[in-house]
Amino acid sequence: QRRVRASRLDLDLYRFLGQLLGMAIRSEISLPLDWPSLIWKPLVGLSPSREDLDVIDFRLSKYLNDIINPPVEHNINDSETFEGVYPDLKFCVNSDAVSYTH
């Protein structure tokens, strides 16, 4: 399981949301939290799916799908061809010890 370190601002925002929800519950006020499944599924311990991403950003979901399962006409069989098809694709890997950007 992947662990993500939250920033101080993230923690403050989570705390504020918790306080807001707590006040609503104590006051018996129903809050219409119409969150997309990409947000609420992890909060209840479920894994989001590609379909959940489709609802938020269909273009990003299609782009990711094309990278994972490239169309046959792209004929991607090595890293040079991949970089030719996706020249603007950048990625960053962060860990405690190393930060690498390509």
PDB file of N, CA and C in Angstrom:
ATOM      1  N   GLN A   1       0.842  -1.185   0.000  1.00  0.00           N
ATOM      2  CA  GLN A   1       0.000   0.000   0.000  1.00  0.00           C
ATOM      3  C   GLN A   1       0.883   1.242   0.000  1.00  0.00           C
ATOM      4  N   ARG A   2       0.526   2.193  -0.825  1.00  0.00           N
ATOM      5  CA  ARG A   2       1.287   3.420  -0.983  1.00  0.00           C
ATOM      6  C   ARG A   2       0.918   4.414   0.095  1.00  0.00           C
ATOM      7  N   ARG A   3       1.919   5.032   0.698  1.00  0.00           N
ATOM      8  CA  ARG A   3       1.669   6.044   1.722  1.00  0.00           C
ATOM      9  C   ARG A   3       2.003   7.400   1.141  1.00  0.00           C
ATOM     10  N   VAL A   4       1.108   8.346   1.349  1.00  0.00           N
ATOM     11  CA  VAL A   4       1.308   9.696   0.851  1.00  0.00           C
ATOM     12  C   VAL A   4       1.444  10.628   2.044  1.00  0.00           C
ATOM     13  N   ARG A   5       2.480  11.422   2.026  1.00  0.00           N
ATOM     14  CA  ARG A   5       2.699  12.362   3.120  1.00  0.00           C
ATOM     15  C   ARG A   5       1.886  13.638   2.865  1.00  0.00           C
ATOM     16  N   ALA A   6       1.071  14.015   3.818  1.00  0.00           N
ATOM     17  CA  ALA A   6       0.248  15.217   3.683  1.00  0.00           C
ATOM     18  C   ALA A   6       1.036  16.435   4.166  1.00  0.00           C
ATOM     19  N   SER A   7       0.830  17.541   3.466  1.00  0.00           N
ATOM     20  CA  SER A   7       1.482  18.785   3.880  1.00  0.00           C
ATOM     21  C   SER A   7       0.730  19.383   5.060  1.00  0.00           C
ATOM     22  N   ARG A   8       1.300  20.376   5.655  1.00  0.00           N
ATOM     23  CA  ARG A   8       0.652  21.065   6.778  1.00  0.00           C
ATOM     24  C   ARG A   8      -0.687  21.657   6.341  1.00  0.00           C
ATOM     25  N   LEU A   9      -0.721  22.249   5.150  1.00  0.00           N
ATOM     26  CA  LEU A   9      -1.967  22.812   4.622  1.00  0.00           C
ATOM     27  C   LEU A   9      -3.008  21.710   4.432  1.00  0.00           C
ATOM     28  N   ASP A  10      -2.596  20.565   3.886  1.00  0.00           N
ATOM     29  CA  ASP A  10      -3.530  19.446   3.714  1.00  0.00           C
ATOM     30  C   ASP A  10      -4.147  19.046   5.052  1.00  0.00           C
ATOM     31  N   LEU A  11      -3.310  18.909   6.057  1.00  0.00           N
ATOM     32  CA  LEU A  11      -3.804  18.515   7.377  1.00  0.00           C
ATOM     33  C   LEU A  11      -4.759  19.559   7.945  1.00  0.00           C
ATOM     34  N   ASP A  12      -4.432  20.832   7.769  1.00  0.00           N
ATOM     35  CA  ASP A  12      -5.330  21.898   8.235  1.00  0.00           C
ATOM     36  C   ASP A  12      -6.670  21.843   7.516  1.00  0.00           C
ATOM     37  N   LEU A  13      -6.652  21.572   6.213  1.00  0.00           N
ATOM     38  CA  LEU A  13      -7.903  21.493   5.452  1.00  0.00           C
ATOM     39  C   LEU A  13      -8.726  20.277   5.871  1.00  0.00           C
ATOM     40  N   TYR A  14      -8.063  19.144   6.106  1.00  0.00           N
ATOM     41  CA  TYR A  14      -8.780  17.960   6.599  1.00  0.00           C
ATOM     42  C   TYR A  14      -9.387  18.233   7.972  1.00  0.00           C
ATOM     43  N   ARG A  15      -8.642  18.899   8.824  1.00  0.00           N
ATOM     44  CA  ARG A  15      -9.136  19.235  10.157  1.00  0.00           C
ATOM     45  C   ARG A  15     -10.369  20.149  10.040  1.00  0.00           C
ATOM     46  N   PHE A  16     -10.292  21.152   9.165  1.00  0.00           N
ATOM     47  CA  PHE A  16     -11.420  22.066   8.971  1.00  0.00           C
ATOM     48  C   PHE A  16     -12.641  21.301   8.468  1.00  0.00           C
ATOM     49  N   LEU A  17     -12.438  20.412   7.499  1.00  0.00           N
ATOM     50  CA  LEU A  17     -13.557  19.631   6.976  1.00  0.00           C
ATOM     51  C   LEU A  17     -14.161  18.766   8.080  1.00  0.00           C
ATOM     52  N   GLY A  18     -13.315  18.165   8.902  1.00  0.00           N
ATOM     53  CA  GLY A  18     -13.806  17.361  10.019  1.00  0.00           C
ATOM     54  C   GLY A  18     -14.614  18.185  11.005  1.00  0.00           C
ATOM     55  N   GLN A  19     -14.129  19.394  11.292  1.00  0.00           N
ATOM     56  CA  GLN A  19     -14.864  20.275  12.206  1.00  0.00           C
ATOM     57  C   GLN A  19     -16.205  20.679  11.600  1.00  0.00           C
ATOM     58  N   LEU A  20     -16.197  20.994  10.318  1.00  0.00           N
ATOM     59  CA  LEU A  20     -17.435  21.380   9.631  1.00  0.00           C
ATOM     60  C   LEU A  20     -18.447  20.238   9.668  1.00  0.00           C
ATOM     61  N   LEU A  21     -17.988  19.027   9.355  1.00  0.00           N
ATOM     62  CA  LEU A  21     -18.885  17.876   9.392  1.00  0.00           C
ATOM     63  C   LEU A  21     -19.368  17.596  10.812  1.00  0.00           C
ATOM     64  N   GLY A  22     -18.471  17.725  11.794  1.00  0.00           N
ATOM     65  CA  GLY A  22     -18.857  17.517  13.190  1.00  0.00           C
ATOM     66  C   GLY A  22     -19.920  18.501  13.645  1.00  0.00           C
ATOM     67  N   MET A  23     -19.753  19.780  13.285  1.00  0.00           N
ATOM     68  CA  MET A  23     -20.764  20.788  13.665  1.00  0.00           C
ATOM     69  C   MET A  23     -22.097  20.484  12.997  1.00  0.00           C
ATOM     70  N   ALA A  24     -22.061  20.046  11.736  1.00  0.00           N
ATOM     71  CA  ALA A  24     -23.301  19.731  11.024  1.00  0.00           C
ATOM     72  C   ALA A  24     -24.014  18.555  11.675  1.00  0.00           C
ATOM     73  N   ILE A  25     -23.245  17.538  12.057  1.00  0.00           N
ATOM     74  CA  ILE A  25     -23.855  16.365  12.698  1.00  0.00           C
ATOM     75  C   ILE A  25     -24.456  16.735  14.046  1.00  0.00           C
ATOM     76  N   ARG A  26     -23.714  17.490  14.858  1.00  0.00           N
ATOM     77  CA  ARG A  26     -24.224  17.893  16.181  1.00  0.00           C
ATOM     78  C   ARG A  26     -25.461  18.790  16.059  1.00  0.00           C
ATOM     79  N   SER A  27     -25.498  19.590  14.999  1.00  0.00           N
ATOM     80  CA  SER A  27     -26.631  20.505  14.800  1.00  0.00           C
ATOM     81  C   SER A  27     -27.756  19.869  14.000  1.00  0.00           C
ATOM     82  N   GLU A  28     -27.571  18.595  13.634  1.00  0.00           N
ATOM     83  CA  GLU A  28     -28.556  17.866  12.833  1.00  0.00           C
ATOM     84  C   GLU A  28     -28.846  18.582  11.518  1.00  0.00           C
ATOM     85  N   ILE A  29     -27.792  19.091  10.909  1.00  0.00           N
ATOM     86  CA  ILE A  29     -27.897  19.747   9.606  1.00  0.00           C
ATOM     87  C   ILE A  29     -27.350  18.777   8.565  1.00  0.00           C
ATOM     88  N   SER A  30     -28.127  18.531   7.546  1.00  0.00           N
ATOM     89  CA  SER A  30     -27.708  17.631   6.477  1.00  0.00           C
ATOM     90  C   SER A  30     -26.910  18.428   5.442  1.00  0.00           C
ATOM     91  N   LEU A  31     -25.677  18.012   5.221  1.00  0.00           N
ATOM     92  CA  LEU A  31     -24.842  18.664   4.208  1.00  0.00           C
ATOM     93  C   LEU A  31     -24.892  17.856   2.923  1.00  0.00           C
ATOM     94  N   PRO A  32     -25.257  18.491   1.814  1.00  0.00           N
ATOM     95  CA  PRO A  32     -25.290  17.764   0.535  1.00  0.00           C
ATOM     96  C   PRO A  32     -23.882  17.641  -0.057  1.00  0.00           C
ATOM     97  N   LEU A  33     -23.142  16.650   0.384  1.00  0.00           N
ATOM     98  CA  LEU A  33     -21.778  16.447  -0.111  1.00  0.00           C
ATOM     99  C   LEU A  33     -21.837  15.562  -1.351  1.00  0.00           C
ATOM    100  N   ASP A  34     -21.926  16.192  -2.486  1.00  0.00           N
ATOM    101  CA  ASP A  34     -22.031  15.481  -3.752  1.00  0.00           C
ATOM    102  C   ASP A  34     -20.635  15.304  -4.344  1.00  0.00           C
ATOM    103  N   TRP A  35     -19.827  14.479  -3.673  1.00  0.00           N
ATOM    104  CA  TRP A  35     -18.447  14.262  -4.098  1.00  0.00           C
ATOM    105  C   TRP A  35     -18.403  13.200  -5.179  1.00  0.00           C
ATOM    106  N   PRO A  36     -17.499  13.361  -6.137  1.00  0.00           N
ATOM    107  CA  PRO A  36     -17.350  12.318  -7.153  1.00  0.00           C
ATOM    108  C   PRO A  36     -16.768  11.052  -6.512  1.00  0.00           C
ATOM    109  N   SER A  37     -17.044   9.931  -7.135  1.00  0.00           N
ATOM    110  CA  SER A  37     -16.591   8.653  -6.580  1.00  0.00           C
ATOM    111  C   SER A  37     -15.069   8.569  -6.487  1.00  0.00           C
ATOM    112  N   LEU A  38     -14.350   9.321  -7.317  1.00  0.00           N
ATOM    113  CA  LEU A  38     -12.892   9.338  -7.234  1.00  0.00           C
ATOM    114  C   LEU A  38     -12.425   9.883  -5.889  1.00  0.00           C
ATOM    115  N   ILE A  39     -13.245  10.721  -5.244  1.00  0.00           N
ATOM    116  CA  ILE A  39     -12.922  11.303  -3.941  1.00  0.00           C
ATOM    117  C   ILE A  39     -13.454  10.442  -2.798  1.00  0.00           C
ATOM    118  N   TRP A  40     -14.744  10.049  -2.867  1.00  0.00           N
ATOM    119  CA  TRP A  40     -15.324   9.385  -1.703  1.00  0.00           C
ATOM    120  C   TRP A  40     -14.919   7.923  -1.560  1.00  0.00           C
ATOM    121  N   LYS A  41     -14.605   7.251  -2.668  1.00  0.00           N
ATOM    122  CA  LYS A  41     -14.235   5.835  -2.543  1.00  0.00           C
ATOM    123  C   LYS A  41     -13.021   5.623  -1.628  1.00  0.00           C
ATOM    124  N   PRO A  42     -11.918   6.365  -1.809  1.00  0.00           N
ATOM    125  CA  PRO A  42     -10.789   6.163  -0.883  1.00  0.00           C
ATOM    126  C   PRO A  42     -11.135   6.501   0.568  1.00  0.00           C
ATOM    127  N   LEU A  43     -12.051   7.429   0.770  1.00  0.00           N
ATOM    128  CA  LEU A  43     -12.431   7.805   2.134  1.00  0.00           C
ATOM    129  C   LEU A  43     -13.158   6.679   2.863  1.00  0.00           C
ATOM    130  N   VAL A  44     -13.817   5.802   2.093  1.00  0.00           N
ATOM    131  CA  VAL A  44     -14.526   4.680   2.718  1.00  0.00           C
ATOM    132  C   VAL A  44     -13.799   3.355   2.504  1.00  0.00           C
ATOM    133  N   GLY A  45     -12.542   3.424   2.048  1.00  0.00           N
ATOM    134  CA  GLY A  45     -11.721   2.230   1.923  1.00  0.00           C
ATOM    135  C   GLY A  45     -11.882   1.459   0.626  1.00  0.00           C
ATOM    136  N   LEU A  46     -12.519   2.055  -0.377  1.00  0.00           N
ATOM    137  CA  LEU A  46     -12.663   1.396  -1.682  1.00  0.00           C
ATOM    138  C   LEU A  46     -11.630   1.952  -2.655  1.00  0.00           C
ATOM    139  N   SER A  47     -11.294   1.175  -3.645  1.00  0.00           N
ATOM    140  CA  SER A  47     -10.335   1.619  -4.657  1.00  0.00           C
ATOM    141  C   SER A  47     -11.076   2.254  -5.825  1.00  0.00           C
ATOM    142  N   PRO A  48     -10.665   3.461  -6.225  1.00  0.00           N
ATOM    143  CA  PRO A  48     -11.297   4.080  -7.393  1.00  0.00           C
ATOM    144  C   PRO A  48     -10.927   3.323  -8.671  1.00  0.00           C
ATOM    145  N   SER A  49     -11.789   3.412  -9.650  1.00  0.00           N
ATOM    146  CA  SER A  49     -11.568   2.716 -10.919  1.00  0.00           C
ATOM    147  C   SER A  49     -11.308   3.741 -12.030  1.00  0.00           C
ATOM    148  N   ARG A  50     -10.956   3.231 -13.182  1.00  0.00           N
ATOM    149  CA  ARG A  50     -10.750   4.109 -14.336  1.00  0.00           C
ATOM    150  C   ARG A  50     -12.049   4.852 -14.678  1.00  0.00           C
ATOM    151  N   GLU A  51     -13.180   4.185 -14.502  1.00  0.00           N
ATOM    152  CA  GLU A  51     -14.476   4.826 -14.771  1.00  0.00           C
ATOM    153  C   GLU A  51     -14.686   6.037 -13.853  1.00  0.00           C
ATOM    154  N   ASP A  52     -14.183   5.955 -12.623  1.00  0.00           N
ATOM    155  CA  ASP A  52     -14.294   7.087 -11.700  1.00  0.00           C
ATOM    156  C   ASP A  52     -13.498   8.279 -12.223  1.00  0.00           C
ATOM    157  N   LEU A  53     -12.347   8.009 -12.833  1.00  0.00           N
ATOM    158  CA  LEU A  53     -11.550   9.081 -13.443  1.00  0.00           C
ATOM    159  C   LEU A  53     -12.242   9.631 -14.679  1.00  0.00           C
ATOM    160  N   ASP A  54     -12.908   8.754 -15.446  1.00  0.00           N
ATOM    161  CA  ASP A  54     -13.641   9.197 -16.643  1.00  0.00           C
ATOM    162  C   ASP A  54     -14.629  10.305 -16.314  1.00  0.00           C
ATOM    163  N   VAL A  55     -15.300  10.167 -15.177  1.00  0.00           N
ATOM    164  CA  VAL A  55     -16.320  11.144 -14.780  1.00  0.00           C
ATOM    165  C   VAL A  55     -15.698  12.515 -14.532  1.00  0.00           C
ATOM    166  N   ILE A  56     -14.499  12.533 -13.966  1.00  0.00           N
ATOM    167  CA  ILE A  56     -13.826  13.784 -13.627  1.00  0.00           C
ATOM    168  C   ILE A  56     -13.123  14.384 -14.839  1.00  0.00           C
ATOM    169  N   ASP A  57     -12.335  13.549 -15.553  1.00  0.00           N
ATOM    170  CA  ASP A  57     -11.514  14.051 -16.654  1.00  0.00           C
ATOM    171  C   ASP A  57     -11.377  12.962 -17.713  1.00  0.00           C
ATOM    172  N   PHE A  58     -12.317  12.953 -18.653  1.00  0.00           N
ATOM    173  CA  PHE A  58     -12.343  11.913 -19.675  1.00  0.00           C
ATOM    174  C   PHE A  58     -11.096  11.957 -20.547  1.00  0.00           C
ATOM    175  N   ARG A  59     -10.626  13.157 -20.889  1.00  0.00           N
ATOM    176  CA  ARG A  59      -9.447  13.272 -21.754  1.00  0.00           C
ATOM    177  C   ARG A  59      -8.207  12.680 -21.088  1.00  0.00           C
ATOM    178  N   LEU A  60      -8.014  12.959 -19.794  1.00  0.00           N
ATOM    179  CA  LEU A  60      -6.878  12.378 -19.077  1.00  0.00           C
ATOM    180  C   LEU A  60      -6.996  10.854 -19.023  1.00  0.00           C
ATOM    181  N   SER A  61      -8.189  10.360 -18.764  1.00  0.00           N
ATOM    182  CA  SER A  61      -8.408   8.926 -18.692  1.00  0.00           C
ATOM    183  C   SER A  61      -8.092   8.260 -20.031  1.00  0.00           C
ATOM    184  N   LYS A  62      -8.527   8.870 -21.124  1.00  0.00           N
ATOM    185  CA  LYS A  62      -8.244   8.325 -22.455  1.00  0.00           C
ATOM    186  C   LYS A  62      -6.748   8.374 -22.736  1.00  0.00           C
ATOM    187  N   TYR A  63      -6.094   9.464 -22.366  1.00  0.00           N
ATOM    188  CA  TYR A  63      -4.654   9.603 -22.575  1.00  0.00           C
ATOM    189  C   TYR A  63      -3.899   8.508 -21.818  1.00  0.00           C
ATOM    190  N   LEU A  64      -4.275   8.274 -20.565  1.00  0.00           N
ATOM    191  CA  LEU A  64      -3.641   7.211 -19.778  1.00  0.00           C
ATOM    192  C   LEU A  64      -3.890   5.845 -20.393  1.00  0.00           C
ATOM    193  N   ASN A  65      -5.109   5.630 -20.870  1.00  0.00           N
ATOM    194  CA  ASN A  65      -5.433   4.357 -21.502  1.00  0.00           C
ATOM    195  C   ASN A  65      -4.592   4.147 -22.768  1.00  0.00           C
ATOM    196  N   ASP A  66      -4.393   5.216 -23.553  1.00  0.00           N
ATOM    197  CA  ASP A  66      -3.570   5.110 -24.764  1.00  0.00           C
ATOM    198  C   ASP A  66      -2.110   4.823 -24.435  1.00  0.00           C
ATOM    199  N   ILE A  67      -1.636   5.295 -23.287  1.00  0.00           N
ATOM    200  CA  ILE A  67      -0.263   5.004 -22.879  1.00  0.00           C
ATOM    201  C   ILE A  67      -0.140   3.553 -22.426  1.00  0.00           C
ATOM    202  N   ILE A  68      -1.122   3.097 -21.650  1.00  0.00           N
ATOM    203  CA  ILE A  68      -1.090   1.725 -21.145  1.00  0.00           C
ATOM    204  C   ILE A  68      -1.338   0.717 -22.262  1.00  0.00           C
ATOM    205  N   ASN A  69      -2.293   1.023 -23.130  1.00  0.00           N
ATOM    206  CA  ASN A  69      -2.638   0.153 -24.266  1.00  0.00           C
ATOM    207  C   ASN A  69      -2.546   0.973 -25.543  1.00  0.00           C
ATOM    208  N   PRO A  70      -1.336   1.182 -26.058  1.00  0.00           N
ATOM    209  CA  PRO A  70      -1.190   2.070 -27.222  1.00  0.00           C
ATOM    210  C   PRO A  70      -1.919   1.536 -28.452  1.00  0.00           C
ATOM    211  N   PRO A  71      -2.501   2.446 -29.214  1.00  0.00           N
ATOM    212  CA  PRO A  71      -3.139   2.020 -30.470  1.00  0.00           C
ATOM    213  C   PRO A  71      -2.112   1.335 -31.376  1.00  0.00           C
ATOM    214  N   VAL A  72      -2.553   0.348 -32.136  1.00  0.00           N
ATOM    215  CA  VAL A  72      -1.665  -0.431 -32.999  1.00  0.00           C
ATOM    216  C   VAL A  72      -0.912   0.474 -33.969  1.00  0.00           C
ATOM    217  N   GLU A  73      -1.573   1.515 -34.476  1.00  0.00           N
ATOM    218  CA  GLU A  73      -0.935   2.381 -35.467  1.00  0.00           C
ATOM    219  C   GLU A  73       0.260   3.151 -34.912  1.00  0.00           C
ATOM    220  N   HIS A  74       0.383   3.250 -33.587  1.00  0.00           N
ATOM    221  CA  HIS A  74       1.553   3.914 -33.004  1.00  0.00           C
ATOM    222  C   HIS A  74       2.801   3.050 -33.091  1.00  0.00           C
ATOM    223  N   ASN A  75       2.618   1.729 -33.200  1.00  0.00           N
ATOM    224  CA  ASN A  75       3.729   0.800 -33.359  1.00  0.00           C
ATOM    225  C   ASN A  75       4.855   1.062 -32.355  1.00  0.00           C
ATOM    226  N   ILE A  76       4.490   1.147 -31.085  1.00  0.00           N
ATOM    227  CA  ILE A  76       5.474   1.428 -30.030  1.00  0.00           C
ATOM    228  C   ILE A  76       6.128   0.117 -29.602  1.00  0.00           C
ATOM    229  N   ASN A  77       7.446   0.007 -29.850  1.00  0.00           N
ATOM    230  CA  ASN A  77       8.160  -1.199 -29.453  1.00  0.00           C
ATOM    231  C   ASN A  77       9.477  -0.894 -28.752  1.00  0.00           C
ATOM    232  N   ASP A  78       9.782   0.390 -28.557  1.00  0.00           N
ATOM    233  CA  ASP A  78      10.986   0.749 -27.805  1.00  0.00           C
ATOM    234  C   ASP A  78      10.804   2.146 -27.211  1.00  0.00           C
ATOM    235  N   SER A  79      11.727   2.543 -26.348  1.00  0.00           N
ATOM    236  CA  SER A  79      11.582   3.821 -25.646  1.00  0.00           C
ATOM    237  C   SER A  79      11.686   5.016 -26.588  1.00  0.00           C
ATOM    238  N   GLU A  80      12.483   4.909 -27.651  1.00  0.00           N
ATOM    239  CA  GLU A  80      12.600   6.032 -28.593  1.00  0.00           C
ATOM    240  C   GLU A  80      11.283   6.283 -29.311  1.00  0.00           C
ATOM    241  N   THR A  81      10.634   5.204 -29.740  1.00  0.00           N
ATOM    242  CA  THR A  81       9.339   5.347 -30.401  1.00  0.00           C
ATOM    243  C   THR A  81       8.320   5.922 -29.426  1.00  0.00           C
ATOM    244  N   PHE A  82       8.338   5.420 -28.197  1.00  0.00           N
ATOM    245  CA  PHE A  82       7.420   5.932 -27.173  1.00  0.00           C
ATOM    246  C   PHE A  82       7.616   7.431 -26.982  1.00  0.00           C
ATOM    247  N   GLU A  83       8.862   7.869 -26.841  1.00  0.00           N
ATOM    248  CA  GLU A  83       9.144   9.292 -26.652  1.00  0.00           C
ATOM    249  C   GLU A  83       8.768  10.104 -27.887  1.00  0.00           C
ATOM    250  N   GLY A  84       8.833   9.504 -29.067  1.00  0.00           N
ATOM    251  CA  GLY A  84       8.410  10.196 -30.285  1.00  0.00           C
ATOM    252  C   GLY A  84       6.902  10.397 -30.337  1.00  0.00           C
ATOM    253  N   VAL A  85       6.163   9.401 -29.870  1.00  0.00           N
ATOM    254  CA  VAL A  85       4.694   9.482 -29.865  1.00  0.00           C
ATOM    255  C   VAL A  85       4.203  10.407 -28.760  1.00  0.00           C
ATOM    256  N   TYR A  86       4.882  10.381 -27.603  1.00  0.00           N
ATOM    257  CA  TYR A  86       4.488  11.194 -26.446  1.00  0.00           C
ATOM    258  C   TYR A  86       5.634  12.132 -26.051  1.00  0.00           C
ATOM    259  N   PRO A  87       5.984  13.114 -26.892  1.00  0.00           N
ATOM    260  CA  PRO A  87       7.151  13.958 -26.602  1.00  0.00           C
ATOM    261  C   PRO A  87       6.971  14.868 -25.390  1.00  0.00           C
ATOM    262  N   ASP A  88       5.748  15.218 -25.071  1.00  0.00           N
ATOM    263  CA  ASP A  88       5.512  16.147 -23.962  1.00  0.00           C
ATOM    264  C   ASP A  88       5.233  15.439 -22.641  1.00  0.00           C
ATOM    265  N   LEU A  89       5.267  14.130 -22.641  1.00  0.00           N
ATOM    266  CA  LEU A  89       4.976  13.376 -21.424  1.00  0.00           C
ATOM    267  C   LEU A  89       6.150  13.491 -20.455  1.00  0.00           C
ATOM    268  N   LYS A  90       5.872  13.977 -19.282  1.00  0.00           N
ATOM    269  CA  LYS A  90       6.881  14.114 -18.232  1.00  0.00           C
ATOM    270  C   LYS A  90       6.410  13.333 -17.018  1.00  0.00           C
ATOM    271  N   PHE A  91       7.344  12.804 -16.263  1.00  0.00           N
ATOM    272  CA  PHE A  91       6.970  12.141 -15.026  1.00  0.00           C
ATOM    273  C   PHE A  91       7.995  12.457 -13.964  1.00  0.00           C
ATOM    274  N   CYS A  92       7.561  12.353 -12.733  1.00  0.00           N
ATOM    275  CA  CYS A  92       8.419  12.654 -11.597  1.00  0.00           C
ATOM    276  C   CYS A  92       8.238  11.563 -10.560  1.00  0.00           C
ATOM    277  N   VAL A  93       9.344  11.048 -10.054  1.00  0.00           N
ATOM    278  CA  VAL A  93       9.319  10.037  -9.007  1.00  0.00           C
ATOM    279  C   VAL A  93       9.947  10.662  -7.774  1.00  0.00           C
ATOM    280  N   ASN A  94       9.229  10.657  -6.677  1.00  0.00           N
ATOM    281  CA  ASN A  94       9.738  11.216  -5.430  1.00  0.00           C
ATOM    282  C   ASN A  94       9.808  10.147  -4.358  1.00  0.00           C
ATOM    283  N   SER A  95      10.846  10.200  -3.572  1.00  0.00           N
ATOM    284  CA  SER A  95      10.942   9.364  -2.394  1.00  0.00           C
ATOM    285  C   SER A  95      11.692  10.184  -1.346  1.00  0.00           C
ATOM    286  N   ASP A  96      11.883   9.632  -0.184  1.00  0.00           N
ATOM    287  CA  ASP A  96      12.599  10.356   0.869  1.00  0.00           C
ATOM    288  C   ASP A  96      14.038  10.667   0.450  1.00  0.00           C
ATOM    289  N   ALA A  97      14.627   9.773  -0.327  1.00  0.00           N
ATOM    290  CA  ALA A  97      16.040   9.927  -0.645  1.00  0.00           C
ATOM    291  C   ALA A  97      16.305  10.570  -1.997  1.00  0.00           C
ATOM    292  N   VAL A  98      15.420  10.363  -2.975  1.00  0.00           N
ATOM    293  CA  VAL A  98      15.718  10.762  -4.340  1.00  0.00           C
ATOM    294  C   VAL A  98      14.510  11.445  -4.972  1.00  0.00           C
ATOM    295  N   SER A  99      14.777  12.426  -5.804  1.00  0.00           N
ATOM    296  CA  SER A  99      13.747  13.017  -6.650  1.00  0.00           C
ATOM    297  C   SER A  99      14.272  12.983  -8.076  1.00  0.00           C
ATOM    298  N   TYR A 100      13.541  12.336  -8.977  1.00  0.00           N
ATOM    299  CA  TYR A 100      13.978  12.178 -10.351  1.00  0.00           C
ATOM    300  C   TYR A 100      12.879  12.662 -11.269  1.00  0.00           C
ATOM    301  N   THR A 101      13.210  13.523 -12.202  1.00  0.00           N
ATOM    302  CA  THR A 101      12.243  14.002 -13.185  1.00  0.00           C
ATOM    303  C   THR A 101      12.766  13.690 -14.566  1.00  0.00           C
ATOM    304  N   HIS A 102      11.891  13.173 -15.416  1.00  0.00           N
ATOM    305  CA  HIS A 102      12.272  12.860 -16.801  1.00  0.00           C
ATOM    306  C   HIS A 102      11.415  13.692 -17.729  1.00  0.00           C
TER     307      HIS A 102
END
